[in-house]
Amino acid sequence: MDTRRLAIDGAWEMTPRRFADDRGYFLEWFTDGAFGAASGHALDLRQANLSVSRTGVVRGVHFADVPPGQAKYVTCPSGAVVDVVVDIRVGSPTFGRWDSVLLDDQTHRAVYLAEGLGHAFVALEERSTVVYLCSATYNPAGEHGIDPLDPELAIPWADLDPRLAGHELVLSEKDTAAPRLAQARAAGLLPTWDEVSAYVRSLQENPDERTSR
């Protein structure tokens, strides 16, 4: 497993090594060793999600209250998406910035984003399938969103990949109605750099004493 740190602290790209023969190929899309070497702690797996989307569908930007937050390990076993990580931690040196990775069924890359980061993706092909390993179960009261079309974020969704040419972006009503980054900040919805850093540090230093999820 090869790892690459993204431009947003707390996010990594994970690229597995494929072993191919005349039958097909095999790969390990998650390994505890590679994950731990990057994040500094084990993945406390509490939920696994799967979504299927048509071309042009945008899901996100989603995030959860910290603690406990919801770290995600994301890959695309069928089709292709551009996965986007957004820094929504108030006080972070990269607050308001984003980075992206192409996830598809050719490279089988994965993205890990730690607690306190925003997550979104856009589907590039019909029936693009995304699976997530999550560190916490879904908690509606603690889940929030940011408008993915917020001009302050300036994510050029339609230009992230040539396959989106001619396709209309499709958002859920919930994501369309989500506040902009500045509005979420003013409402006190966003996590802070200090509280997220302290929480992630507690996972690294005391892996057996995690906040109850």
C-alpha atoms as a PDB file:
ATOM      1  CA  MET A   1       0.000   0.000   0.000  1.00  0.00           C
ATOM      2  CA  ASP A   2       1.394   3.362  -1.041  1.00  0.00           C
ATOM      3  CA  THR A   3       0.236   6.427   0.898  1.00  0.00           C
ATOM      4  CA  ARG A   4       0.272  10.108  -0.020  1.00  0.00           C
ATOM      5  CA  ARG A   5      -0.620  12.974   2.285  1.00  0.00           C
ATOM      6  CA  LEU A   6      -3.139  15.366   0.744  1.00  0.00           C
ATOM      7  CA  ALA A   7      -2.960  19.149   0.913  1.00  0.00           C
ATOM      8  CA  ILE A   8      -5.445  19.055   3.808  1.00  0.00           C
ATOM      9  CA  ASP A   9      -3.923  17.883   7.109  1.00  0.00           C
ATOM     10  CA  GLY A  10      -5.638  14.705   8.289  1.00  0.00           C
ATOM     11  CA  ALA A  11      -6.349  13.310   4.807  1.00  0.00           C
ATOM     12  CA  TRP A  12      -4.425  10.710   2.811  1.00  0.00           C
ATOM     13  CA  GLU A  13      -4.608   8.955  -0.519  1.00  0.00           C
ATOM     14  CA  MET A  14      -4.080   5.174  -0.276  1.00  0.00           C
ATOM     15  CA  THR A  15      -3.097   3.227  -3.396  1.00  0.00           C
ATOM     16  CA  PRO A  16      -3.079  -0.589  -3.136  1.00  0.00           C
ATOM     17  CA  ARG A  17      -0.772  -2.858  -5.084  1.00  0.00           C
ATOM     18  CA  ARG A  18      -2.538  -5.175  -7.528  1.00  0.00           C
ATOM     19  CA  PHE A  19      -1.514  -8.783  -8.089  1.00  0.00           C
ATOM     20  CA  ALA A  20      -2.759  -9.907 -11.503  1.00  0.00           C
ATOM     21  CA  ASP A  21      -2.769 -13.162 -13.449  1.00  0.00           C
ATOM     22  CA  ASP A  22      -4.897 -14.760 -16.161  1.00  0.00           C
ATOM     23  CA  ARG A  23      -7.817 -15.089 -13.711  1.00  0.00           C
ATOM     24  CA  GLY A  24      -7.988 -11.373 -12.922  1.00  0.00           C
ATOM     25  CA  TYR A  25      -6.374  -9.580 -10.019  1.00  0.00           C
ATOM     26  CA  PHE A  26      -6.303  -9.314  -6.249  1.00  0.00           C
ATOM     27  CA  LEU A  27      -5.618  -6.358  -3.971  1.00  0.00           C
ATOM     28  CA  GLU A  28      -5.885  -5.296  -0.342  1.00  0.00           C
ATOM     29  CA  TRP A  29      -7.896  -2.067  -0.362  1.00  0.00           C
ATOM     30  CA  PHE A  30      -7.427  -1.558   3.376  1.00  0.00           C
ATOM     31  CA  THR A  31      -4.603  -2.703   5.665  1.00  0.00           C
ATOM     32  CA  ASP A  32      -4.284  -1.820   9.317  1.00  0.00           C
ATOM     33  CA  GLY A  33      -0.523  -1.375   9.004  1.00  0.00           C
ATOM     34  CA  ALA A  34      -0.614   1.206   6.221  1.00  0.00           C
ATOM     35  CA  PHE A  35      -3.546   2.991   7.774  1.00  0.00           C
ATOM     36  CA  GLY A  36      -1.929   3.145  11.208  1.00  0.00           C
ATOM     37  CA  ALA A  37       1.362   4.373   9.782  1.00  0.00           C
ATOM     38  CA  ALA A  38      -0.441   7.307   8.161  1.00  0.00           C
ATOM     39  CA  SER A  39      -3.007   8.207  10.831  1.00  0.00           C
ATOM     40  CA  GLY A  40      -1.132   7.197  13.968  1.00  0.00           C
ATOM     41  CA  HIS A  41      -3.981   5.027  15.289  1.00  0.00           C
ATOM     42  CA  ALA A  42      -6.177   2.074  14.339  1.00  0.00           C
ATOM     43  CA  LEU A  43      -9.457   2.524  12.476  1.00  0.00           C
ATOM     44  CA  ASP A  44     -12.275   2.132  14.963  1.00  0.00           C
ATOM     45  CA  LEU A  45     -14.746   0.638  12.471  1.00  0.00           C
ATOM     46  CA  ARG A  46     -18.378   1.178  13.489  1.00  0.00           C
ATOM     47  CA  GLN A  47     -20.278   1.322  10.199  1.00  0.00           C
ATOM     48  CA  ALA A  48     -19.828   0.524   6.489  1.00  0.00           C
ATOM     49  CA  ASN A  49     -21.833   2.441   3.859  1.00  0.00           C
ATOM     50  CA  LEU A  50     -22.431   1.973   0.127  1.00  0.00           C
ATOM     51  CA  SER A  51     -23.911   4.416  -2.366  1.00  0.00           C
ATOM     52  CA  VAL A  52     -24.647   4.106  -6.090  1.00  0.00           C
ATOM     53  CA  SER A  53     -24.885   7.275  -8.195  1.00  0.00           C
ATOM     54  CA  ARG A  54     -25.501   8.263 -11.793  1.00  0.00           C
ATOM     55  CA  THR A  55     -23.200  10.565 -13.734  1.00  0.00           C
ATOM     56  CA  GLY A  56     -23.180  14.108 -12.378  1.00  0.00           C
ATOM     57  CA  VAL A  57     -24.520  13.292  -8.932  1.00  0.00           C
ATOM     58  CA  VAL A  58     -22.810  15.347  -6.198  1.00  0.00           C
ATOM     59  CA  ARG A  59     -23.016  14.057  -2.627  1.00  0.00           C
ATOM     60  CA  GLY A  60     -21.819  16.333   0.174  1.00  0.00           C
ATOM     61  CA  VAL A  61     -20.226  18.363   1.630  1.00  0.00           C
ATOM     62  CA  HIS A  62     -20.975  16.355   4.791  1.00  0.00           C
ATOM     63  CA  PHE A  63     -19.407  16.417   8.259  1.00  0.00           C
ATOM     64  CA  ALA A  64     -20.187  15.396  11.848  1.00  0.00           C
ATOM     65  CA  ASP A  65     -19.852  16.999  15.268  1.00  0.00           C
ATOM     66  CA  VAL A  66     -16.530  16.432  17.053  1.00  0.00           C
ATOM     67  CA  PRO A  67     -16.370  14.518  19.275  1.00  0.00           C
ATOM     68  CA  PRO A  68     -16.882  11.879  18.131  1.00  0.00           C
ATOM     69  CA  GLY A  69     -16.909  12.994  14.505  1.00  0.00           C
ATOM     70  CA  GLN A  70     -16.910  10.439  11.723  1.00  0.00           C
ATOM     71  CA  ALA A  71     -13.652   9.537  10.036  1.00  0.00           C
ATOM     72  CA  LYS A  72     -14.080   7.863   6.636  1.00  0.00           C
ATOM     73  CA  TYR A  73     -12.046   5.481   4.504  1.00  0.00           C
ATOM     74  CA  VAL A  74     -13.544   5.722   1.017  1.00  0.00           C
ATOM     75  CA  THR A  75     -13.053   3.813  -2.241  1.00  0.00           C
ATOM     76  CA  CYS A  76     -14.897   3.242  -5.527  1.00  0.00           C
ATOM     77  CA  PRO A  77     -15.035  -0.466  -6.508  1.00  0.00           C
ATOM     78  CA  SER A  78     -17.176   0.171  -9.608  1.00  0.00           C
ATOM     79  CA  GLY A  79     -17.264   3.208 -11.877  1.00  0.00           C
ATOM     80  CA  ALA A  80     -15.443   6.432 -11.037  1.00  0.00           C
ATOM     81  CA  VAL A  81     -15.805   9.501  -8.814  1.00  0.00           C
ATOM     82  CA  VAL A  82     -13.781  12.540  -7.909  1.00  0.00           C
ATOM     83  CA  ASP A  83     -13.578  12.501  -4.129  1.00  0.00           C
ATOM     84  CA  VAL A  84     -13.233  15.881  -2.412  1.00  0.00           C
ATOM     85  CA  VAL A  85     -11.948  16.627   1.097  1.00  0.00           C
ATOM     86  CA  VAL A  86     -12.785  20.080   2.500  1.00  0.00           C
ATOM     87  CA  ASP A  87     -11.118  21.695   5.496  1.00  0.00           C
ATOM     88  CA  ILE A  88     -13.952  23.127   7.605  1.00  0.00           C
ATOM     89  CA  ARG A  89     -11.970  23.336  10.885  1.00  0.00           C
ATOM     90  CA  VAL A  90     -12.110  26.920  12.112  1.00  0.00           C
ATOM     91  CA  GLY A  91      -8.574  28.069  12.864  1.00  0.00           C
ATOM     92  CA  SER A  92      -6.899  25.545  10.564  1.00  0.00           C
ATOM     93  CA  PRO A  93      -4.083  26.897   8.368  1.00  0.00           C
ATOM     94  CA  THR A  94      -5.999  25.542   5.355  1.00  0.00           C
ATOM     95  CA  PHE A  95      -9.529  26.471   6.457  1.00  0.00           C
ATOM     96  CA  GLY A  96     -11.862  26.691   3.470  1.00  0.00           C
ATOM     97  CA  ARG A  97      -9.474  24.867   1.137  1.00  0.00           C
ATOM     98  CA  TRP A  98     -10.082  21.514  -0.526  1.00  0.00           C
ATOM     99  CA  ASP A  99      -8.206  18.720  -2.271  1.00  0.00           C
ATOM    100  CA  SER A 100      -9.428  15.942  -4.554  1.00  0.00           C
ATOM    101  CA  VAL A 101      -8.536  12.423  -5.669  1.00  0.00           C
ATOM    102  CA  LEU A 102      -9.844  10.344  -8.569  1.00  0.00           C
ATOM    103  CA  LEU A 103     -11.249   7.079  -7.213  1.00  0.00           C
ATOM    104  CA  ASP A 104     -12.127   4.391  -9.755  1.00  0.00           C
ATOM    105  CA  ASP A 105     -12.237   0.679 -10.515  1.00  0.00           C
ATOM    106  CA  GLN A 106      -8.879   0.815 -12.315  1.00  0.00           C
ATOM    107  CA  THR A 107      -6.483   2.140  -9.676  1.00  0.00           C
ATOM    108  CA  HIS A 108      -8.670   1.222  -6.651  1.00  0.00           C
ATOM    109  CA  ARG A 109      -7.285   4.178  -4.714  1.00  0.00           C
ATOM    110  CA  ALA A 110      -8.872   5.054  -1.405  1.00  0.00           C
ATOM    111  CA  VAL A 111      -9.087   8.289   0.561  1.00  0.00           C
ATOM    112  CA  TYR A 112      -8.938   8.551   4.328  1.00  0.00           C
ATOM    113  CA  LEU A 113     -10.241  11.703   5.986  1.00  0.00           C
ATOM    114  CA  ALA A 114     -10.011  12.165   9.732  1.00  0.00           C
ATOM    115  CA  GLU A 115     -12.672  13.470  12.079  1.00  0.00           C
ATOM    116  CA  GLY A 116     -13.618  17.100  11.559  1.00  0.00           C
ATOM    117  CA  LEU A 117     -13.160  17.237   7.789  1.00  0.00           C
ATOM    118  CA  GLY A 118     -15.861  17.746   5.176  1.00  0.00           C
ATOM    119  CA  HIS A 119     -16.433  15.094   2.520  1.00  0.00           C
ATOM    120  CA  ALA A 120     -18.062  15.118  -0.909  1.00  0.00           C
ATOM    121  CA  PHE A 121     -17.770  13.485  -4.320  1.00  0.00           C
ATOM    122  CA  VAL A 122     -19.134  13.705  -7.850  1.00  0.00           C
ATOM    123  CA  ALA A 123     -19.912  10.594  -9.920  1.00  0.00           C
ATOM    124  CA  LEU A 124     -18.237  10.380 -13.331  1.00  0.00           C
ATOM    125  CA  GLU A 125     -19.977   7.279 -14.686  1.00  0.00           C
ATOM    126  CA  GLU A 126     -23.379   5.628 -14.485  1.00  0.00           C
ATOM    127  CA  ARG A 127     -23.881   3.478 -11.387  1.00  0.00           C
ATOM    128  CA  SER A 128     -20.633   4.585  -9.800  1.00  0.00           C
ATOM    129  CA  THR A 129     -20.424   2.737  -6.500  1.00  0.00           C
ATOM    130  CA  VAL A 130     -18.727   4.205  -3.427  1.00  0.00           C
ATOM    131  CA  VAL A 131     -18.096   2.341  -0.182  1.00  0.00           C
ATOM    132  CA  TYR A 132     -17.116   3.965   3.115  1.00  0.00           C
ATOM    133  CA  LEU A 133     -15.642   2.499   6.274  1.00  0.00           C
ATOM    134  CA  CYS A 134     -16.744   4.822   9.083  1.00  0.00           C
ATOM    135  CA  SER A 135     -15.402   5.340  12.601  1.00  0.00           C
ATOM    136  CA  ALA A 136     -18.844   6.156  14.037  1.00  0.00           C
ATOM    137  CA  THR A 137     -22.432   5.208  13.331  1.00  0.00           C
ATOM    138  CA  TYR A 138     -24.798   7.665  11.686  1.00  0.00           C
ATOM    139  CA  ASN A 139     -26.184  10.204  14.140  1.00  0.00           C
ATOM    140  CA  PRO A 140     -28.759  12.506  12.487  1.00  0.00           C
ATOM    141  CA  ALA A 141     -28.568  15.040  15.320  1.00  0.00           C
ATOM    142  CA  GLY A 142     -24.815  15.416  14.869  1.00  0.00           C
ATOM    143  CA  GLU A 143     -24.644  15.382  11.063  1.00  0.00           C
ATOM    144  CA  HIS A 144     -24.348  18.594   9.029  1.00  0.00           C
ATOM    145  CA  GLY A 145     -23.707  19.815   5.516  1.00  0.00           C
ATOM    146  CA  ILE A 146     -22.175  22.668   3.571  1.00  0.00           C
ATOM    147  CA  ASP A 147     -23.520  23.826   0.212  1.00  0.00           C
ATOM    148  CA  PRO A 148     -21.198  22.116  -2.313  1.00  0.00           C
ATOM    149  CA  LEU A 149     -21.802  25.004  -4.737  1.00  0.00           C
ATOM    150  CA  ASP A 150     -20.701  27.642  -2.215  1.00  0.00           C
ATOM    151  CA  PRO A 151     -18.681  30.284  -4.134  1.00  0.00           C
ATOM    152  CA  GLU A 152     -16.322  30.599  -1.163  1.00  0.00           C
ATOM    153  CA  LEU A 153     -15.279  26.965  -1.571  1.00  0.00           C
ATOM    154  CA  ALA A 154     -15.141  27.435  -5.359  1.00  0.00           C
ATOM    155  CA  ILE A 155     -15.092  23.718  -6.164  1.00  0.00           C
ATOM    156  CA  PRO A 156     -15.321  23.548 -10.002  1.00  0.00           C
ATOM    157  CA  TRP A 157     -17.454  20.402 -10.018  1.00  0.00           C
ATOM    158  CA  ALA A 158     -18.265  20.383 -13.727  1.00  0.00           C
ATOM    159  CA  ASP A 159     -14.590  20.823 -14.622  1.00  0.00           C
ATOM    160  CA  LEU A 160     -13.084  18.228 -12.294  1.00  0.00           C
ATOM    161  CA  ASP A 161     -13.102  15.587 -15.042  1.00  0.00           C
ATOM    162  CA  PRO A 162     -13.817  15.624 -18.810  1.00  0.00           C
ATOM    163  CA  ARG A 163     -16.436  12.896 -18.383  1.00  0.00           C
ATOM    164  CA  LEU A 164     -18.732  15.454 -16.768  1.00  0.00           C
ATOM    165  CA  ALA A 165     -18.979  17.484 -19.982  1.00  0.00           C
ATOM    166  CA  GLY A 166     -22.624  17.822 -20.994  1.00  0.00           C
ATOM    167  CA  HIS A 167     -23.942  16.395 -17.722  1.00  0.00           C
ATOM    168  CA  GLU A 168     -26.052  18.416 -15.323  1.00  0.00           C
ATOM    169  CA  LEU A 169     -24.996  18.365 -11.676  1.00  0.00           C
ATOM    170  CA  VAL A 170     -27.559  16.571  -9.510  1.00  0.00           C
ATOM    171  CA  LEU A 171     -27.875  17.388  -5.797  1.00  0.00           C
ATOM    172  CA  SER A 172     -30.290  16.213  -3.137  1.00  0.00           C
ATOM    173  CA  GLU A 173     -32.746  18.700  -1.682  1.00  0.00           C
ATOM    174  CA  LYS A 174     -30.895  18.460   1.613  1.00  0.00           C
ATOM    175  CA  ASP A 175     -27.520  19.320   0.069  1.00  0.00           C
ATOM    176  CA  THR A 176     -29.032  22.132  -2.006  1.00  0.00           C
ATOM    177  CA  ALA A 177     -30.516  23.666   1.148  1.00  0.00           C
ATOM    178  CA  ALA A 178     -27.319  23.323   3.191  1.00  0.00           C
ATOM    179  CA  PRO A 179     -25.763  26.560   4.484  1.00  0.00           C
ATOM    180  CA  ARG A 180     -22.688  28.108   2.958  1.00  0.00           C
ATOM    181  CA  LEU A 181     -19.389  27.841   4.811  1.00  0.00           C
ATOM    182  CA  ALA A 182     -19.636  31.350   6.281  1.00  0.00           C
ATOM    183  CA  GLN A 183     -23.222  30.737   7.401  1.00  0.00           C
ATOM    184  CA  ALA A 184     -22.292  27.443   9.077  1.00  0.00           C
ATOM    185  CA  ARG A 185     -19.409  29.163  10.824  1.00  0.00           C
ATOM    186  CA  ALA A 186     -21.620  32.002  12.057  1.00  0.00           C
ATOM    187  CA  ALA A 187     -24.144  29.458  13.359  1.00  0.00           C
ATOM    188  CA  GLY A 188     -21.447  27.635  15.354  1.00  0.00           C
ATOM    189  CA  LEU A 189     -21.834  24.403  13.385  1.00  0.00           C
ATOM    190  CA  LEU A 190     -18.202  23.998  12.376  1.00  0.00           C
ATOM    191  CA  PRO A 191     -15.583  22.166  14.447  1.00  0.00           C
ATOM    192  CA  THR A 192     -12.463  24.053  15.480  1.00  0.00           C
ATOM    193  CA  TRP A 193      -8.885  23.197  14.642  1.00  0.00           C
ATOM    194  CA  ASP A 194      -7.983  22.995  18.344  1.00  0.00           C
ATOM    195  CA  GLU A 195     -10.803  20.662  19.379  1.00  0.00           C
ATOM    196  CA  VAL A 196     -10.309  18.351  16.395  1.00  0.00           C
ATOM    197  CA  SER A 197      -6.538  18.242  16.911  1.00  0.00           C
ATOM    198  CA  ALA A 198      -7.008  17.416  20.597  1.00  0.00           C
ATOM    199  CA  TYR A 199      -9.496  14.673  19.821  1.00  0.00           C
ATOM    200  CA  VAL A 200      -7.360  13.032  17.128  1.00  0.00           C
ATOM    201  CA  ARG A 201      -4.349  13.274  19.436  1.00  0.00           C
ATOM    202  CA  SER A 202      -6.337  11.445  22.127  1.00  0.00           C
ATOM    203  CA  LEU A 203      -6.966   8.596  19.665  1.00  0.00           C
ATOM    204  CA  GLN A 204      -3.251   8.349  18.990  1.00  0.00           C
ATOM    205  CA  GLU A 205      -2.199   8.511  22.638  1.00  0.00           C
ATOM    206  CA  ASN A 206      -5.030   6.535  24.260  1.00  0.00           C
ATOM    207  CA  PRO A 207      -6.464   4.118  21.673  1.00  0.00           C
ATOM    208  CA  ASP A 208      -8.373   2.167  24.342  1.00  0.00           C
ATOM    209  CA  GLU A 209      -9.957   5.235  25.928  1.00  0.00           C
ATOM    210  CA  ARG A 210     -12.027   6.657  23.095  1.00  0.00           C
ATOM    211  CA  THR A 211     -15.073   8.813  23.480  1.00  0.00           C
ATOM    212  CA  SER A 212     -18.164   6.615  23.528  1.00  0.00           C
ATOM    213  CA  ARG A 213     -19.676   6.542  20.090  1.00  0.00           C
END
